[in-house]
Amino acid sequence: MEPRTQPAVLNWSARTSTQGNAVTTPSIKLLACKGFFVFSAALAIAGCAGDGTGLDANGRPISDIPVANNDFQEIQDTIFTPICTTCHIGAGAPQGLRLDAGNSYAMLVNVASAESAGTLRVNPGNPNASYLVQKIEGTAAVGVRMPANGPPYLPQDRIDLVRRWIAAGAPQSSAPPDRLIVTSTIPAVSETAAPGLGKLTVIFNANVDSSRVSADTFTLRDAADQPVVLSGVRVPAGRQNVVELTITQPLAAGSYQLAVHGDGPAPLAGEAGHVLDGDADGRPGGDTLIPFDVSAGGAR
């Protein structure tokens, strides 16, 4: 069993907090071997008749083997964290693709590839059309096969794991969490962003209630404690655990702090009805504070 990711909490105060990356849950490894998948495919094909019996709406064989609920956690624990985050982490992540536990899901599912126009990094339900699969299989039209320092590349059972997860609709977890917290932000806590920053991204551990998302849910202030006007606040289509904030004018060099409100007149809540646990004390309420800097001459 791979080592479990340990919780990381930064600078908590009584009712406000500053959070770092995601706190991941333990994973239970699944037995996966090439022979198992070949045998399963043979059974599925054998059950398909010429009249379409045994095929789904897309003409694919219907398998009676249930998809594991913790596939994404296993992908994080066995692929992204130990292999991909040697490069894909922080402000310098290639193509802006951060694959640490706090960012990976939000940076992949229903997100357009920065390399291949018109292709999603992960296209739920369609492994072949997912740029992630193309990159790890070496079939992408752009760039090198991943991991970039290969060979060796991912073993077939890990590629099969990614394919299975995407084919199942790319679910984030087996069950919705019992509270809503901020798992990561871009820029991250105490990160220095490049000049001209015009968008902030806030990532949660569960889907947010878009009807509770507004400019009143977030407050951005500069080093002089003056408010910075947000021109747009939205939940991107297909990415319900993400909120993107646009700024009226690119931020000047200096220090800033973003507050995500779990208290006050417009507290954020999730689709399940849980109000943001902003201070991570296990109870609804409190604000999450994210301090960051903008560089005058490039990210440090």
C-alpha atoms as a PDB file:
ATOM      1  CA  MET A   1       0.000   0.000   0.000  1.00  0.00           C
ATOM      2  CA  GLU A   2       1.290   3.460  -0.906  1.00  0.00           C
ATOM      3  CA  PRO A   3       1.923   5.966   1.909  1.00  0.00           C
ATOM      4  CA  ARG A   4      -1.129   8.019   2.751  1.00  0.00           C
ATOM      5  CA  THR A   5      -1.109  11.743   2.152  1.00  0.00           C
ATOM      6  CA  GLN A   6      -0.961  13.543   5.489  1.00  0.00           C
ATOM      7  CA  PRO A   7      -3.193  16.520   6.298  1.00  0.00           C
ATOM      8  CA  ALA A   8      -1.536  19.914   5.898  1.00  0.00           C
ATOM      9  CA  VAL A   9      -3.116  22.926   7.610  1.00  0.00           C
ATOM     10  CA  LEU A  10      -1.513  26.360   7.657  1.00  0.00           C
ATOM     11  CA  ASN A  11      -1.917  29.259  10.100  1.00  0.00           C
ATOM     12  CA  TRP A  12      -5.310  28.520  11.627  1.00  0.00           C
ATOM     13  CA  SER A  13      -6.881  31.135  13.903  1.00  0.00           C
ATOM     14  CA  ALA A  14      -9.982  31.016  16.083  1.00  0.00           C
ATOM     15  CA  ARG A  15     -12.580  31.824  13.410  1.00  0.00           C
ATOM     16  CA  THR A  16     -10.541  32.574  10.314  1.00  0.00           C
ATOM     17  CA  SER A  17      -8.105  30.364   8.533  1.00  0.00           C
ATOM     18  CA  THR A  18      -5.494  30.075   5.847  1.00  0.00           C
ATOM     19  CA  GLN A  19      -5.556  26.774   4.016  1.00  0.00           C
ATOM     20  CA  GLY A  20      -3.046  25.026   1.800  1.00  0.00           C
ATOM     21  CA  ASN A  21      -3.628  22.097  -0.468  1.00  0.00           C
ATOM     22  CA  ALA A  22      -6.165  19.324  -0.211  1.00  0.00           C
ATOM     23  CA  VAL A  23      -6.432  16.960   2.714  1.00  0.00           C
ATOM     24  CA  THR A  24      -6.770  13.655   0.985  1.00  0.00           C
ATOM     25  CA  THR A  25      -8.476  10.594   2.320  1.00  0.00           C
ATOM     26  CA  PRO A  26      -6.840   7.220   2.679  1.00  0.00           C
ATOM     27  CA  SER A  27      -7.114   4.945  -0.286  1.00  0.00           C
ATOM     28  CA  ILE A  28      -7.689   1.218  -0.532  1.00  0.00           C
ATOM     29  CA  LYS A  29      -5.617  -0.255  -3.336  1.00  0.00           C
ATOM     30  CA  LEU A  30      -7.451  -2.298  -5.918  1.00  0.00           C
ATOM     31  CA  LEU A  31      -6.078  -5.408  -7.473  1.00  0.00           C
ATOM     32  CA  ALA A  32      -5.478  -4.678 -11.164  1.00  0.00           C
ATOM     33  CA  CYS A  33      -3.571  -6.765 -13.609  1.00  0.00           C
ATOM     34  CA  LYS A  34      -3.478  -7.001 -17.352  1.00  0.00           C
ATOM     35  CA  GLY A  35      -4.881 -10.482 -17.445  1.00  0.00           C
ATOM     36  CA  PHE A  36      -7.936  -9.432 -15.414  1.00  0.00           C
ATOM     37  CA  PHE A  37      -8.849  -6.708 -17.884  1.00  0.00           C
ATOM     38  CA  VAL A  38      -8.258  -8.897 -20.932  1.00  0.00           C
ATOM     39  CA  PHE A  39     -10.452 -11.620 -19.474  1.00  0.00           C
ATOM     40  CA  SER A  40     -13.183  -9.096 -18.632  1.00  0.00           C
ATOM     41  CA  ALA A  41     -13.101  -7.635 -22.128  1.00  0.00           C
ATOM     42  CA  ALA A  42     -13.403 -11.080 -23.630  1.00  0.00           C
ATOM     43  CA  LEU A  43     -16.489 -11.802 -21.559  1.00  0.00           C
ATOM     44  CA  ALA A  44     -18.073  -8.487 -22.564  1.00  0.00           C
ATOM     45  CA  ILE A  45     -17.414  -9.029 -26.260  1.00  0.00           C
ATOM     46  CA  ALA A  46     -18.732 -12.565 -26.082  1.00  0.00           C
ATOM     47  CA  GLY A  47     -22.013 -11.225 -24.698  1.00  0.00           C
ATOM     48  CA  CYS A  48     -22.608  -8.831 -27.620  1.00  0.00           C
ATOM     49  CA  ALA A  49     -24.906  -9.936 -30.387  1.00  0.00           C
ATOM     50  CA  GLY A  50     -25.211  -8.486 -33.869  1.00  0.00           C
ATOM     51  CA  ASP A  51     -28.549  -6.890 -32.998  1.00  0.00           C
ATOM     52  CA  GLY A  52     -26.921  -4.610 -30.433  1.00  0.00           C
ATOM     53  CA  THR A  53     -27.695  -6.745 -27.408  1.00  0.00           C
ATOM     54  CA  GLY A  54     -25.032  -6.241 -24.745  1.00  0.00           C
ATOM     55  CA  LEU A  55     -24.034  -2.787 -26.001  1.00  0.00           C
ATOM     56  CA  ASP A  56     -24.611   0.553 -24.347  1.00  0.00           C
ATOM     57  CA  ALA A  57     -26.055   3.666 -26.032  1.00  0.00           C
ATOM     58  CA  ASN A  58     -22.642   4.429 -27.540  1.00  0.00           C
ATOM     59  CA  GLY A  59     -22.163   0.938 -28.953  1.00  0.00           C
ATOM     60  CA  ARG A  60     -19.671  -0.119 -26.276  1.00  0.00           C
ATOM     61  CA  PRO A  61     -19.840  -3.508 -24.524  1.00  0.00           C
ATOM     62  CA  ILE A  62     -21.680  -3.388 -21.211  1.00  0.00           C
ATOM     63  CA  SER A  63     -19.586  -4.858 -18.410  1.00  0.00           C
ATOM     64  CA  ASP A  64     -21.088  -6.272 -15.245  1.00  0.00           C
ATOM     65  CA  ILE A  65     -17.926  -5.462 -13.321  1.00  0.00           C
ATOM     66  CA  PRO A  66     -18.635  -2.508 -11.008  1.00  0.00           C
ATOM     67  CA  VAL A  67     -16.367   0.504 -11.239  1.00  0.00           C
ATOM     68  CA  ALA A  68     -14.445   1.093  -8.060  1.00  0.00           C
ATOM     69  CA  ASN A  69     -15.521   4.196  -6.141  1.00  0.00           C
ATOM     70  CA  ASN A  70     -12.036   5.202  -5.044  1.00  0.00           C
ATOM     71  CA  ASP A  71     -10.365   5.148  -8.463  1.00  0.00           C
ATOM     72  CA  PHE A  72      -9.463   8.842  -8.452  1.00  0.00           C
ATOM     73  CA  GLN A  73      -7.882   8.616  -5.010  1.00  0.00           C
ATOM     74  CA  GLU A  74      -5.823   5.671  -6.215  1.00  0.00           C
ATOM     75  CA  ILE A  75      -4.790   7.632  -9.309  1.00  0.00           C
ATOM     76  CA  GLN A  76      -3.688  10.487  -7.061  1.00  0.00           C
ATOM     77  CA  ASP A  77      -1.815   8.230  -4.664  1.00  0.00           C
ATOM     78  CA  THR A  78      -0.055   6.029  -7.225  1.00  0.00           C
ATOM     79  CA  ILE A  79       0.416   8.301 -10.254  1.00  0.00           C
ATOM     80  CA  PHE A  80      -0.018  12.027  -9.730  1.00  0.00           C
ATOM     81  CA  THR A  81       1.595  12.492  -6.313  1.00  0.00           C
ATOM     82  CA  PRO A  82       4.644  10.206  -6.623  1.00  0.00           C
ATOM     83  CA  ILE A  83       5.338  10.690 -10.345  1.00  0.00           C
ATOM     84  CA  CYS A  84       3.688  13.752 -11.885  1.00  0.00           C
ATOM     85  CA  THR A  85       4.265  16.293  -9.124  1.00  0.00           C
ATOM     86  CA  THR A  86       8.012  16.189  -9.694  1.00  0.00           C
ATOM     87  CA  CYS A  87       7.137  18.780 -12.374  1.00  0.00           C
ATOM     88  CA  HIS A  88       3.412  19.525 -12.255  1.00  0.00           C
ATOM     89  CA  ILE A  89       3.170  21.539  -9.064  1.00  0.00           C
ATOM     90  CA  GLY A  90       3.078  25.176  -8.033  1.00  0.00           C
ATOM     91  CA  ALA A  91       3.244  28.346 -10.105  1.00  0.00           C
ATOM     92  CA  GLY A  92       5.767  26.835 -12.518  1.00  0.00           C
ATOM     93  CA  ALA A  93       3.711  23.766 -13.435  1.00  0.00           C
ATOM     94  CA  PRO A  94       3.944  23.049 -17.189  1.00  0.00           C
ATOM     95  CA  GLN A  95       0.896  24.359 -19.085  1.00  0.00           C
ATOM     96  CA  GLY A  96      -0.460  25.527 -15.717  1.00  0.00           C
ATOM     97  CA  LEU A  97      -1.444  21.923 -14.919  1.00  0.00           C
ATOM     98  CA  ARG A  98      -1.007  21.383 -11.184  1.00  0.00           C
ATOM     99  CA  LEU A  99      -1.386  17.726 -10.215  1.00  0.00           C
ATOM    100  CA  ASP A 100      -0.947  17.889  -6.453  1.00  0.00           C
ATOM    101  CA  ALA A 101      -3.841  16.564  -4.389  1.00  0.00           C
ATOM    102  CA  GLY A 102      -5.395  19.973  -3.829  1.00  0.00           C
ATOM    103  CA  ASN A 103      -5.586  20.907  -7.509  1.00  0.00           C
ATOM    104  CA  SER A 104      -5.521  17.870  -9.776  1.00  0.00           C
ATOM    105  CA  TYR A 105      -9.229  17.094 -10.116  1.00  0.00           C
ATOM    106  CA  ALA A 106     -10.180  20.723 -10.714  1.00  0.00           C
ATOM    107  CA  MET A 107      -7.363  21.147 -13.240  1.00  0.00           C
ATOM    108  CA  LEU A 108      -8.313  18.067 -15.279  1.00  0.00           C
ATOM    109  CA  VAL A 109     -12.031  17.339 -15.520  1.00  0.00           C
ATOM    110  CA  ASN A 110     -13.805  19.334 -18.239  1.00  0.00           C
ATOM    111  CA  VAL A 111     -10.773  21.622 -18.589  1.00  0.00           C
ATOM    112  CA  ALA A 112      -9.515  22.432 -22.087  1.00  0.00           C
ATOM    113  CA  SER A 113      -5.999  21.312 -22.916  1.00  0.00           C
ATOM    114  CA  ALA A 114      -3.499  24.143 -23.226  1.00  0.00           C
ATOM    115  CA  GLU A 115      -1.618  22.162 -25.883  1.00  0.00           C
ATOM    116  CA  SER A 116      -4.331  20.606 -28.037  1.00  0.00           C
ATOM    117  CA  ALA A 117      -7.104  22.974 -29.127  1.00  0.00           C
ATOM    118  CA  GLY A 118     -10.595  21.564 -28.767  1.00  0.00           C
ATOM    119  CA  THR A 119      -9.525  18.671 -26.532  1.00  0.00           C
ATOM    120  CA  LEU A 120     -10.438  18.306 -22.869  1.00  0.00           C
ATOM    121  CA  ARG A 121      -7.795  17.122 -20.458  1.00  0.00           C
ATOM    122  CA  VAL A 122     -10.394  14.709 -19.074  1.00  0.00           C
ATOM    123  CA  ASN A 123     -13.586  14.198 -21.060  1.00  0.00           C
ATOM    124  CA  PRO A 124     -15.916  12.359 -18.639  1.00  0.00           C
ATOM    125  CA  GLY A 125     -17.158   9.116 -20.158  1.00  0.00           C
ATOM    126  CA  ASN A 126     -14.731   9.232 -23.095  1.00  0.00           C
ATOM    127  CA  PRO A 127     -11.171   8.014 -22.370  1.00  0.00           C
ATOM    128  CA  ASN A 128     -10.091   8.084 -26.033  1.00  0.00           C
ATOM    129  CA  ALA A 129     -11.015  11.766 -26.340  1.00  0.00           C
ATOM    130  CA  SER A 130      -9.219  12.695 -23.104  1.00  0.00           C
ATOM    131  CA  TYR A 131      -5.864  14.383 -23.528  1.00  0.00           C
ATOM    132  CA  LEU A 132      -4.629  12.832 -20.279  1.00  0.00           C
ATOM    133  CA  VAL A 133      -5.024   9.355 -21.755  1.00  0.00           C
ATOM    134  CA  GLN A 134      -3.406  10.406 -25.015  1.00  0.00           C
ATOM    135  CA  LYS A 135      -0.392  11.760 -23.151  1.00  0.00           C
ATOM    136  CA  ILE A 136       0.172   8.721 -20.941  1.00  0.00           C
ATOM    137  CA  GLU A 137      -0.335   6.328 -23.885  1.00  0.00           C
ATOM    138  CA  GLY A 138       1.921   8.309 -26.199  1.00  0.00           C
ATOM    139  CA  THR A 139      -0.742   8.950 -28.854  1.00  0.00           C
ATOM    140  CA  ALA A 140      -1.060  12.739 -28.428  1.00  0.00           C
ATOM    141  CA  ALA A 141      -0.354  14.788 -31.540  1.00  0.00           C
ATOM    142  CA  VAL A 142       1.545  17.392 -29.510  1.00  0.00           C
ATOM    143  CA  GLY A 143       4.499  17.084 -27.178  1.00  0.00           C
ATOM    144  CA  VAL A 144       6.151  14.060 -25.614  1.00  0.00           C
ATOM    145  CA  ARG A 145       4.690  11.042 -23.878  1.00  0.00           C
ATOM    146  CA  MET A 146       4.231  11.415 -20.137  1.00  0.00           C
ATOM    147  CA  PRO A 147       5.971  11.109 -17.805  1.00  0.00           C
ATOM    148  CA  ALA A 148       8.460  13.261 -19.691  1.00  0.00           C
ATOM    149  CA  ASN A 149      11.459  11.540 -18.095  1.00  0.00           C
ATOM    150  CA  GLY A 150      10.352   8.128 -19.398  1.00  0.00           C
ATOM    151  CA  PRO A 151      10.959   5.436 -20.243  1.00  0.00           C
ATOM    152  CA  PRO A 152       9.872   3.782 -18.123  1.00  0.00           C
ATOM    153  CA  TYR A 153       6.323   5.005 -18.660  1.00  0.00           C
ATOM    154  CA  LEU A 154       3.231   4.082 -16.662  1.00  0.00           C
ATOM    155  CA  PRO A 155       2.556   0.333 -16.487  1.00  0.00           C
ATOM    156  CA  GLN A 156      -0.534  -0.853 -18.309  1.00  0.00           C
ATOM    157  CA  ASP A 157      -2.510  -1.458 -15.130  1.00  0.00           C
ATOM    158  CA  ARG A 158      -2.142   2.243 -14.186  1.00  0.00           C
ATOM    159  CA  ILE A 159      -3.248   3.335 -17.674  1.00  0.00           C
ATOM    160  CA  ASP A 160      -6.211   0.975 -17.386  1.00  0.00           C
ATOM    161  CA  LEU A 161      -7.046   2.547 -14.020  1.00  0.00           C
ATOM    162  CA  VAL A 162      -7.158   6.036 -15.553  1.00  0.00           C
ATOM    163  CA  ARG A 163      -9.255   4.791 -18.476  1.00  0.00           C
ATOM    164  CA  ARG A 164     -11.718   3.037 -16.166  1.00  0.00           C
ATOM    165  CA  TRP A 165     -12.139   6.145 -14.024  1.00  0.00           C
ATOM    166  CA  ILE A 166     -12.823   8.362 -17.046  1.00  0.00           C
ATOM    167  CA  ALA A 167     -15.191   5.808 -18.614  1.00  0.00           C
ATOM    168  CA  ALA A 168     -17.189   5.836 -15.370  1.00  0.00           C
ATOM    169  CA  GLY A 169     -17.717   9.591 -15.724  1.00  0.00           C
ATOM    170  CA  ALA A 170     -14.590  10.746 -13.864  1.00  0.00           C
ATOM    171  CA  PRO A 171     -16.206  10.941 -10.391  1.00  0.00           C
ATOM    172  CA  GLN A 172     -14.317  12.855  -7.732  1.00  0.00           C
ATOM    173  CA  SER A 173     -15.070  10.547  -4.811  1.00  0.00           C
ATOM    174  CA  SER A 174     -17.198   7.634  -3.702  1.00  0.00           C
ATOM    175  CA  ALA A 175     -19.436   9.726  -1.432  1.00  0.00           C
ATOM    176  CA  PRO A 176     -19.935  13.466  -0.892  1.00  0.00           C
ATOM    177  CA  PRO A 177     -18.073  14.841   2.139  1.00  0.00           C
ATOM    178  CA  ASP A 178     -20.032  15.915   5.206  1.00  0.00           C
ATOM    179  CA  ARG A 179     -18.625  19.463   5.156  1.00  0.00           C
ATOM    180  CA  LEU A 180     -17.466  22.063   2.649  1.00  0.00           C
ATOM    181  CA  ILE A 181     -13.901  23.386   2.805  1.00  0.00           C
ATOM    182  CA  VAL A 182     -11.477  25.196   0.526  1.00  0.00           C
ATOM    183  CA  THR A 183      -8.860  22.678  -0.590  1.00  0.00           C
ATOM    184  CA  SER A 184      -6.699  24.914  -2.754  1.00  0.00           C
ATOM    185  CA  THR A 185      -6.465  28.232  -4.538  1.00  0.00           C
ATOM    186  CA  ILE A 186      -4.550  29.642  -7.492  1.00  0.00           C
ATOM    187  CA  PRO A 187      -2.490  31.541  -6.500  1.00  0.00           C
ATOM    188  CA  ALA A 188      -1.915  29.289  -3.527  1.00  0.00           C
ATOM    189  CA  VAL A 189      -1.374  30.414   0.049  1.00  0.00           C
ATOM    190  CA  SER A 190       1.727  32.646   0.221  1.00  0.00           C
ATOM    191  CA  GLU A 191       2.464  32.103  -3.480  1.00  0.00           C
ATOM    192  CA  THR A 192       3.897  34.902  -5.607  1.00  0.00           C
ATOM    193  CA  ALA A 193       2.031  35.267  -8.886  1.00  0.00           C
ATOM    194  CA  ALA A 194       3.360  36.731 -12.111  1.00  0.00           C
ATOM    195  CA  PRO A 195       2.597  40.365 -12.979  1.00  0.00           C
ATOM    196  CA  GLY A 196      -0.780  41.177 -14.449  1.00  0.00           C
ATOM    197  CA  LEU A 197      -2.796  38.631 -12.496  1.00  0.00           C
ATOM    198  CA  GLY A 198      -6.427  38.962 -13.525  1.00  0.00           C
ATOM    199  CA  LYS A 199      -8.096  35.767 -12.322  1.00  0.00           C
ATOM    200  CA  LEU A 200      -8.242  33.847  -9.041  1.00  0.00           C
ATOM    201  CA  THR A 201      -9.366  30.232  -8.742  1.00  0.00           C
ATOM    202  CA  VAL A 202     -10.843  28.722  -5.587  1.00  0.00           C
ATOM    203  CA  ILE A 203     -11.174  24.939  -5.350  1.00  0.00           C
ATOM    204  CA  PHE A 204     -13.434  23.099  -2.914  1.00  0.00           C
ATOM    205  CA  ASN A 205     -13.719  19.504  -1.736  1.00  0.00           C
ATOM    206  CA  ALA A 206     -17.294  19.244  -3.032  1.00  0.00           C
ATOM    207  CA  ASN A 207     -19.660  20.889  -5.487  1.00  0.00           C
ATOM    208  CA  VAL A 208     -20.775  24.365  -4.470  1.00  0.00           C
ATOM    209  CA  ASP A 209     -24.301  25.708  -4.691  1.00  0.00           C
ATOM    210  CA  SER A 210     -23.996  28.149  -7.602  1.00  0.00           C
ATOM    211  CA  SER A 211     -27.018  30.102  -6.333  1.00  0.00           C
ATOM    212  CA  ARG A 212     -24.953  30.975  -3.233  1.00  0.00           C
ATOM    213  CA  VAL A 213     -21.959  32.196  -5.252  1.00  0.00           C
ATOM    214  CA  SER A 214     -21.675  35.963  -5.716  1.00  0.00           C
ATOM    215  CA  ALA A 215     -19.273  38.859  -5.306  1.00  0.00           C
ATOM    216  CA  ASP A 216     -20.525  39.098  -1.706  1.00  0.00           C
ATOM    217  CA  THR A 217     -19.228  35.586  -0.994  1.00  0.00           C
ATOM    218  CA  PHE A 218     -15.624  36.678  -1.572  1.00  0.00           C
ATOM    219  CA  THR A 219     -13.609  39.706  -0.480  1.00  0.00           C
ATOM    220  CA  LEU A 220     -10.251  40.662  -1.968  1.00  0.00           C
ATOM    221  CA  ARG A 221      -8.165  43.333  -0.191  1.00  0.00           C
ATOM    222  CA  ASP A 222      -4.779  44.866  -0.883  1.00  0.00           C
ATOM    223  CA  ALA A 223      -1.933  45.567   1.546  1.00  0.00           C
ATOM    224  CA  ALA A 224      -3.599  48.806   2.627  1.00  0.00           C
ATOM    225  CA  ASP A 225      -6.754  46.838   3.521  1.00  0.00           C
ATOM    226  CA  GLN A 226      -8.637  48.447   0.652  1.00  0.00           C
ATOM    227  CA  PRO A 227     -11.179  46.318  -1.238  1.00  0.00           C
ATOM    228  CA  VAL A 228     -10.367  45.248  -4.791  1.00  0.00           C
ATOM    229  CA  VAL A 229     -13.380  45.120  -7.106  1.00  0.00           C
ATOM    230  CA  LEU A 230     -14.290  41.709  -8.541  1.00  0.00           C
ATOM    231  CA  SER A 231     -15.818  42.022 -11.995  1.00  0.00           C
ATOM    232  CA  GLY A 232     -17.007  38.433 -12.217  1.00  0.00           C
ATOM    233  CA  VAL A 233     -17.673  35.418 -10.015  1.00  0.00           C
ATOM    234  CA  ARG A 234     -18.704  32.135 -11.631  1.00  0.00           C
ATOM    235  CA  VAL A 235     -18.821  28.378 -11.330  1.00  0.00           C
ATOM    236  CA  PRO A 236     -17.423  27.044 -14.641  1.00  0.00           C
ATOM    237  CA  ALA A 237     -19.596  24.594 -16.569  1.00  0.00           C
ATOM    238  CA  GLY A 238     -18.814  20.998 -15.646  1.00  0.00           C
ATOM    239  CA  ARG A 239     -16.560  22.087 -12.768  1.00  0.00           C
ATOM    240  CA  GLN A 240     -18.969  22.539  -9.883  1.00  0.00           C
ATOM    241  CA  ASN A 241     -16.265  22.368  -7.218  1.00  0.00           C
ATOM    242  CA  VAL A 242     -14.493  25.423  -8.651  1.00  0.00           C
ATOM    243  CA  VAL A 243     -15.206  29.157  -8.443  1.00  0.00           C
ATOM    244  CA  GLU A 244     -13.359  31.559 -10.730  1.00  0.00           C
ATOM    245  CA  LEU A 245     -12.997  35.235  -9.778  1.00  0.00           C
ATOM    246  CA  THR A 246     -12.108  37.860 -12.363  1.00  0.00           C
ATOM    247  CA  ILE A 247     -10.703  41.232 -11.409  1.00  0.00           C
ATOM    248  CA  THR A 248     -11.682  44.545 -12.977  1.00  0.00           C
ATOM    249  CA  GLN A 249      -8.054  45.475 -13.628  1.00  0.00           C
ATOM    250  CA  PRO A 250      -4.924  43.283 -13.429  1.00  0.00           C
ATOM    251  CA  LEU A 251      -3.459  43.394  -9.957  1.00  0.00           C
ATOM    252  CA  ALA A 252      -0.485  45.672  -9.377  1.00  0.00           C
ATOM    253  CA  ALA A 253       2.611  44.367  -7.619  1.00  0.00           C
ATOM    254  CA  GLY A 254       2.048  43.943  -3.911  1.00  0.00           C
ATOM    255  CA  SER A 255       0.413  41.808  -1.247  1.00  0.00           C
ATOM    256  CA  TYR A 256      -3.221  40.738  -1.179  1.00  0.00           C
ATOM    257  CA  GLN A 257      -5.618  38.616   0.831  1.00  0.00           C
ATOM    258  CA  LEU A 258      -8.685  36.788  -0.429  1.00  0.00           C
ATOM    259  CA  ALA A 259     -11.439  35.889   2.033  1.00  0.00           C
ATOM    260  CA  VAL A 260     -13.991  33.171   1.296  1.00  0.00           C
ATOM    261  CA  HIS A 261     -16.962  33.722   3.587  1.00  0.00           C
ATOM    262  CA  GLY A 262     -18.661  31.089   5.686  1.00  0.00           C
ATOM    263  CA  ASP A 263     -20.103  33.795   7.931  1.00  0.00           C
ATOM    264  CA  GLY A 264     -21.972  37.027   7.315  1.00  0.00           C
ATOM    265  CA  PRO A 265     -24.891  37.859   5.038  1.00  0.00           C
ATOM    266  CA  ALA A 266     -23.736  35.705   2.094  1.00  0.00           C
ATOM    267  CA  PRO A 267     -22.040  32.533   3.383  1.00  0.00           C
ATOM    268  CA  LEU A 268     -21.008  30.016   0.762  1.00  0.00           C
ATOM    269  CA  ALA A 269     -22.595  26.560   0.849  1.00  0.00           C
ATOM    270  CA  GLY A 270     -22.320  23.330  -1.074  1.00  0.00           C
ATOM    271  CA  GLU A 271     -24.938  21.536  -3.164  1.00  0.00           C
ATOM    272  CA  ALA A 272     -25.554  19.249  -0.191  1.00  0.00           C
ATOM    273  CA  GLY A 273     -26.464  22.283   1.928  1.00  0.00           C
ATOM    274  CA  HIS A 274     -23.310  22.389   4.052  1.00  0.00           C
ATOM    275  CA  VAL A 275     -22.221  25.950   4.841  1.00  0.00           C
ATOM    276  CA  LEU A 276     -18.480  26.525   4.371  1.00  0.00           C
ATOM    277  CA  ASP A 277     -16.359  25.423   7.307  1.00  0.00           C
ATOM    278  CA  GLY A 278     -14.009  28.317   6.753  1.00  0.00           C
ATOM    279  CA  ASP A 279     -11.825  27.857   9.818  1.00  0.00           C
ATOM    280  CA  ALA A 280     -11.680  24.041   9.591  1.00  0.00           C
ATOM    281  CA  ASP A 281     -12.951  23.486  13.124  1.00  0.00           C
ATOM    282  CA  GLY A 282     -15.493  20.898  11.973  1.00  0.00           C
ATOM    283  CA  ARG A 283     -18.422  23.308  12.281  1.00  0.00           C
ATOM    284  CA  PRO A 284     -20.123  25.493   9.657  1.00  0.00           C
ATOM    285  CA  GLY A 285     -18.977  29.091   9.574  1.00  0.00           C
ATOM    286  CA  GLY A 286     -15.792  31.078   9.634  1.00  0.00           C
ATOM    287  CA  ASP A 287     -13.824  32.605   6.770  1.00  0.00           C
ATOM    288  CA  THR A 288     -10.942  31.090   4.848  1.00  0.00           C
ATOM    289  CA  LEU A 289      -8.128  33.586   4.268  1.00  0.00           C
ATOM    290  CA  ILE A 290      -5.668  33.219   1.401  1.00  0.00           C
ATOM    291  CA  PRO A 291      -2.726  35.665   1.427  1.00  0.00           C
ATOM    292  CA  PHE A 292      -0.653  35.939  -1.742  1.00  0.00           C
ATOM    293  CA  ASP A 293       1.667  38.341  -3.560  1.00  0.00           C
ATOM    294  CA  VAL A 294       1.935  39.657  -7.087  1.00  0.00           C
ATOM    295  CA  SER A 295       5.443  40.159  -8.391  1.00  0.00           C
ATOM    296  CA  ALA A 296       6.664  43.302 -10.100  1.00  0.00           C
ATOM    297  CA  GLY A 297       8.931  41.403 -12.455  1.00  0.00           C
ATOM    298  CA  GLY A 298       7.867  37.743 -12.650  1.00  0.00           C
ATOM    299  CA  ALA A 299       6.923  34.915 -10.292  1.00  0.00           C
ATOM    300  CA  ARG A 300       9.572  34.045  -7.767  1.00  0.00           C
END
